[in-house]
């Protein structure tokens, strides 16, 4: 157990790179359902930064976009 070192069962885990920063995305469109669904695994919850590798700025924008898309019924709140 414990946190730190950056090691995970023998192998070194490299920090994921934010795909929005790589593509130089400034605005995450809530109408782009394909991008929204990439951020949401089968459980229907928004993936945290440490798993998705998204930077803090884009994680905030992504969260807002997902919530807007859910309000407009573009994506489901939960998936069964």
C-alpha atoms as a PDB file:
ATOM      1  CA  UNK A   1       0.000   0.000   0.000  1.00  0.00           C
ATOM      2  CA  UNK A   2       0.905   3.622   0.295  1.00  0.00           C
ATOM      3  CA  UNK A   3       1.350   6.403  -2.196  1.00  0.00           C
ATOM      4  CA  UNK A   4       4.509   7.697  -3.731  1.00  0.00           C
ATOM      5  CA  UNK A   5       7.477   6.663  -5.755  1.00  0.00           C
ATOM      6  CA  UNK A   6       5.496   6.460  -8.978  1.00  0.00           C
ATOM      7  CA  UNK A   7       5.964   2.697  -9.086  1.00  0.00           C
ATOM      8  CA  UNK A   8       3.150   0.241  -9.585  1.00  0.00           C
ATOM      9  CA  UNK A   9       3.890  -3.448  -9.097  1.00  0.00           C
ATOM     10  CA  UNK A  10       7.380  -3.443 -10.586  1.00  0.00           C
ATOM     11  CA  UNK A  11       6.862  -1.230 -13.635  1.00  0.00           C
ATOM     12  CA  UNK A  12       7.137   2.547 -13.772  1.00  0.00           C
ATOM     13  CA  UNK A  13       3.821   4.252 -14.593  1.00  0.00           C
ATOM     14  CA  UNK A  14       4.397   7.175 -16.959  1.00  0.00           C
ATOM     15  CA  UNK A  15       2.183  10.228 -16.450  1.00  0.00           C
ATOM     16  CA  UNK A  16      -0.583  10.320 -19.052  1.00  0.00           C
ATOM     17  CA  UNK A  17      -0.658  13.378 -21.292  1.00  0.00           C
ATOM     18  CA  UNK A  18      -3.809  15.488 -21.569  1.00  0.00           C
ATOM     19  CA  UNK A  19      -5.270  14.756 -25.005  1.00  0.00           C
ATOM     20  CA  UNK A  20      -7.005  18.152 -25.070  1.00  0.00           C
ATOM     21  CA  UNK A  21      -3.673  19.952 -24.522  1.00  0.00           C
ATOM     22  CA  UNK A  22      -2.038  17.864 -27.258  1.00  0.00           C
ATOM     23  CA  UNK A  23      -4.811  18.832 -29.709  1.00  0.00           C
ATOM     24  CA  UNK A  24      -4.718  22.450 -28.400  1.00  0.00           C
ATOM     25  CA  UNK A  25      -8.441  22.380 -27.590  1.00  0.00           C
ATOM     26  CA  UNK A  26      -9.686  25.557 -25.909  1.00  0.00           C
ATOM     27  CA  UNK A  27     -13.415  24.796 -25.683  1.00  0.00           C
ATOM     28  CA  UNK A  28     -14.908  21.369 -25.004  1.00  0.00           C
ATOM     29  CA  UNK A  29     -18.263  21.258 -26.789  1.00  0.00           C
ATOM     30  CA  UNK A  30     -21.066  19.608 -24.817  1.00  0.00           C
ATOM     31  CA  UNK A  31     -22.801  18.704 -28.099  1.00  0.00           C
ATOM     32  CA  UNK A  32     -19.858  16.505 -29.132  1.00  0.00           C
ATOM     33  CA  UNK A  33     -21.274  13.278 -27.689  1.00  0.00           C
ATOM     34  CA  UNK A  34     -18.305  11.183 -28.895  1.00  0.00           C
ATOM     35  CA  UNK A  35     -15.871  13.166 -26.706  1.00  0.00           C
ATOM     36  CA  UNK A  36     -18.293  13.076 -23.749  1.00  0.00           C
ATOM     37  CA  UNK A  37     -18.651   9.290 -23.931  1.00  0.00           C
ATOM     38  CA  UNK A  38     -14.856   8.875 -23.940  1.00  0.00           C
ATOM     39  CA  UNK A  39     -14.755  10.586 -20.535  1.00  0.00           C
ATOM     40  CA  UNK A  40     -17.465   8.323 -19.121  1.00  0.00           C
ATOM     41  CA  UNK A  41     -16.813   4.589 -18.632  1.00  0.00           C
ATOM     42  CA  UNK A  42     -19.604   2.002 -18.546  1.00  0.00           C
ATOM     43  CA  UNK A  43     -20.623   2.956 -14.989  1.00  0.00           C
ATOM     44  CA  UNK A  44     -21.681   6.412 -16.161  1.00  0.00           C
ATOM     45  CA  UNK A  45     -19.427   8.412 -13.827  1.00  0.00           C
ATOM     46  CA  UNK A  46     -16.906  10.992 -15.036  1.00  0.00           C
ATOM     47  CA  UNK A  47     -13.379   9.562 -14.947  1.00  0.00           C
ATOM     48  CA  UNK A  48     -11.032  11.243 -12.452  1.00  0.00           C
ATOM     49  CA  UNK A  49      -7.875  13.023 -13.614  1.00  0.00           C
ATOM     50  CA  UNK A  50      -5.504  10.394 -12.262  1.00  0.00           C
ATOM     51  CA  UNK A  51      -7.132   7.770 -14.489  1.00  0.00           C
ATOM     52  CA  UNK A  52      -7.933   9.807 -17.605  1.00  0.00           C
ATOM     53  CA  UNK A  53      -4.700  11.830 -17.558  1.00  0.00           C
ATOM     54  CA  UNK A  54      -6.549  15.072 -18.285  1.00  0.00           C
ATOM     55  CA  UNK A  55      -5.016  18.296 -16.948  1.00  0.00           C
ATOM     56  CA  UNK A  56      -6.868  20.307 -14.265  1.00  0.00           C
ATOM     57  CA  UNK A  57      -8.072  23.023 -16.648  1.00  0.00           C
ATOM     58  CA  UNK A  58      -9.525  20.603 -19.181  1.00  0.00           C
ATOM     59  CA  UNK A  59     -10.951  18.326 -16.473  1.00  0.00           C
ATOM     60  CA  UNK A  60     -13.010  21.280 -15.180  1.00  0.00           C
ATOM     61  CA  UNK A  61     -14.214  22.114 -18.696  1.00  0.00           C
ATOM     62  CA  UNK A  62     -14.964  18.463 -19.425  1.00  0.00           C
ATOM     63  CA  UNK A  63     -16.970  18.100 -16.204  1.00  0.00           C
ATOM     64  CA  UNK A  64     -19.045  21.186 -17.058  1.00  0.00           C
ATOM     65  CA  UNK A  65     -19.615  19.917 -20.611  1.00  0.00           C
ATOM     66  CA  UNK A  66     -20.678  16.448 -19.403  1.00  0.00           C
ATOM     67  CA  UNK A  67     -23.124  17.983 -16.905  1.00  0.00           C
ATOM     68  CA  UNK A  68     -24.628  20.188 -19.634  1.00  0.00           C
ATOM     69  CA  UNK A  69     -24.931  17.226 -22.006  1.00  0.00           C
ATOM     70  CA  UNK A  70     -26.662  15.223 -19.267  1.00  0.00           C
ATOM     71  CA  UNK A  71     -29.140  18.057 -18.619  1.00  0.00           C
ATOM     72  CA  UNK A  72     -30.054  18.127 -22.305  1.00  0.00           C
ATOM     73  CA  UNK A  73     -30.361  14.308 -22.368  1.00  0.00           C
ATOM     74  CA  UNK A  74     -27.541  13.950 -24.913  1.00  0.00           C
ATOM     75  CA  UNK A  75     -25.829  11.421 -22.637  1.00  0.00           C
ATOM     76  CA  UNK A  76     -27.313   9.336 -19.807  1.00  0.00           C
ATOM     77  CA  UNK A  77     -26.759  10.031 -16.099  1.00  0.00           C
ATOM     78  CA  UNK A  78     -26.241   6.323 -15.425  1.00  0.00           C
ATOM     79  CA  UNK A  79     -25.973   3.336 -17.729  1.00  0.00           C
ATOM     80  CA  UNK A  80     -27.502  -0.027 -16.922  1.00  0.00           C
END
